[in-house]
Amino acid sequence: MTVDAAVDLVREALVAMLVLSAPILLAGLVIGLVISLLQAVTQIQEQTLSFVPKIVAMGLVSIFIAPWLVTQMLEFASRMFSGS
């Protein structure tokens, strides 16, 4: 394996990791922003108030997009093992 091929494999793995984690992280970001706005408006500064909804939302998004995640990971693995 050449250096260029190794760099391409690492680049493709990093891109796949970013694509797979983006929907879950975006759900946490959106819920966190909404909760932060509600906390600022109501002046309630409870730490668990922002933590629990984010965990629940990220878990639900993970369950909802699980088939897509598995498909993407299988395609990536087949590309890696086939060498193309």
Protein backbone atom coordinates (compact mmCIF):
# COMPACT_ATOMS: atom_id res chain seq x y z
CA MET A 1 0.00 0.00 0.00
CA THR A 2 1.35 3.39 -0.97
CA VAL A 3 1.29 6.49 1.16
CA ASP A 4 -1.28 8.06 -1.15
CA ALA A 5 -3.61 5.09 -0.77
CA ALA A 6 -3.25 5.16 3.01
CA VAL A 7 -4.01 8.88 3.11
CA ASP A 8 -7.08 8.32 0.94
CA LEU A 9 -8.30 5.56 3.27
CA VAL A 10 -7.87 7.77 6.32
CA ARG A 11 -9.60 10.68 4.59
CA GLU A 12 -12.52 8.47 3.56
CA ALA A 13 -12.82 7.07 7.09
CA LEU A 14 -12.89 10.55 8.60
CA VAL A 15 -15.52 11.74 6.13
CA ALA A 16 -17.64 8.66 6.85
CA MET A 17 -17.33 9.29 10.59
CA LEU A 18 -18.44 12.91 10.17
CA VAL A 19 -21.39 11.97 7.96
CA LEU A 20 -22.54 9.25 10.35
CA SER A 21 -22.29 11.36 13.48
CA ALA A 22 -23.71 14.61 12.06
CA PRO A 23 -27.45 13.86 12.42
CA ILE A 24 -27.10 12.79 16.05
CA LEU A 25 -24.91 15.77 16.94
CA LEU A 26 -27.25 18.17 15.13
CA ALA A 27 -30.19 16.85 17.15
CA GLY A 28 -28.28 17.50 20.36
CA LEU A 29 -27.30 20.96 19.14
CA VAL A 30 -30.86 21.96 18.23
CA ILE A 31 -32.36 20.64 21.47
CA GLY A 32 -29.59 22.29 23.49
CA LEU A 33 -30.21 25.62 21.78
CA VAL A 34 -33.96 25.43 22.40
CA ILE A 35 -33.49 24.48 26.05
CA SER A 36 -30.90 27.25 26.51
CA LEU A 37 -33.32 29.81 25.09
CA LEU A 38 -36.08 28.56 27.40
CA GLN A 39 -33.70 28.74 30.37
CA ALA A 40 -32.69 32.27 29.46
CA VAL A 41 -36.30 33.40 29.12
CA THR A 42 -37.50 31.75 32.32
CA GLN A 43 -34.23 32.26 34.25
CA ILE A 44 -34.21 28.61 35.35
CA GLN A 45 -30.58 27.51 35.55
CA GLU A 46 -30.90 23.80 36.29
CA GLN A 47 -28.13 21.72 34.64
CA THR A 48 -30.17 18.52 34.34
CA LEU A 49 -32.90 20.39 32.50
CA SER A 50 -30.66 20.65 29.44
CA PHE A 51 -28.96 17.28 29.80
CA VAL A 52 -31.95 14.93 29.91
CA PRO A 53 -33.81 16.25 26.82
CA LYS A 54 -30.59 16.17 24.78
CA ILE A 55 -29.90 12.56 25.73
CA VAL A 56 -33.48 11.55 24.93
CA ALA A 57 -33.48 13.38 21.58
CA MET A 58 -30.11 11.97 20.57
CA GLY A 59 -31.25 8.48 21.53
CA LEU A 60 -34.44 8.82 19.50
CA VAL A 61 -32.56 10.13 16.48
CA SER A 62 -30.10 7.26 16.79
CA ILE A 63 -32.94 4.74 16.80
CA PHE A 64 -34.72 6.48 13.93
CA ILE A 65 -31.68 6.62 11.63
CA ALA A 66 -30.20 3.24 12.63
CA PRO A 67 -31.07 1.54 9.30
CA TRP A 68 -29.36 4.34 7.37
CA LEU A 69 -26.33 4.22 9.69
CA VAL A 70 -25.96 0.46 9.24
CA THR A 71 -26.28 0.76 5.47
CA GLN A 72 -23.62 3.47 5.32
CA MET A 73 -21.25 1.50 7.56
CA LEU A 74 -21.71 -1.68 5.52
CA GLU A 75 -21.04 0.19 2.28
CA PHE A 76 -17.92 1.74 3.78
CA ALA A 77 -16.69 -1.62 5.08
CA SER A 78 -17.27 -3.31 1.72
CA ARG A 79 -15.32 -0.52 -0.03
CA MET A 80 -12.47 -0.92 2.45
CA PHE A 81 -12.28 -4.70 2.16
CA SER A 82 -12.72 -4.79 -1.61
CA GLY A 83 -9.90 -2.34 -2.14
CA SER A 84 -11.81 -0.11 -4.55
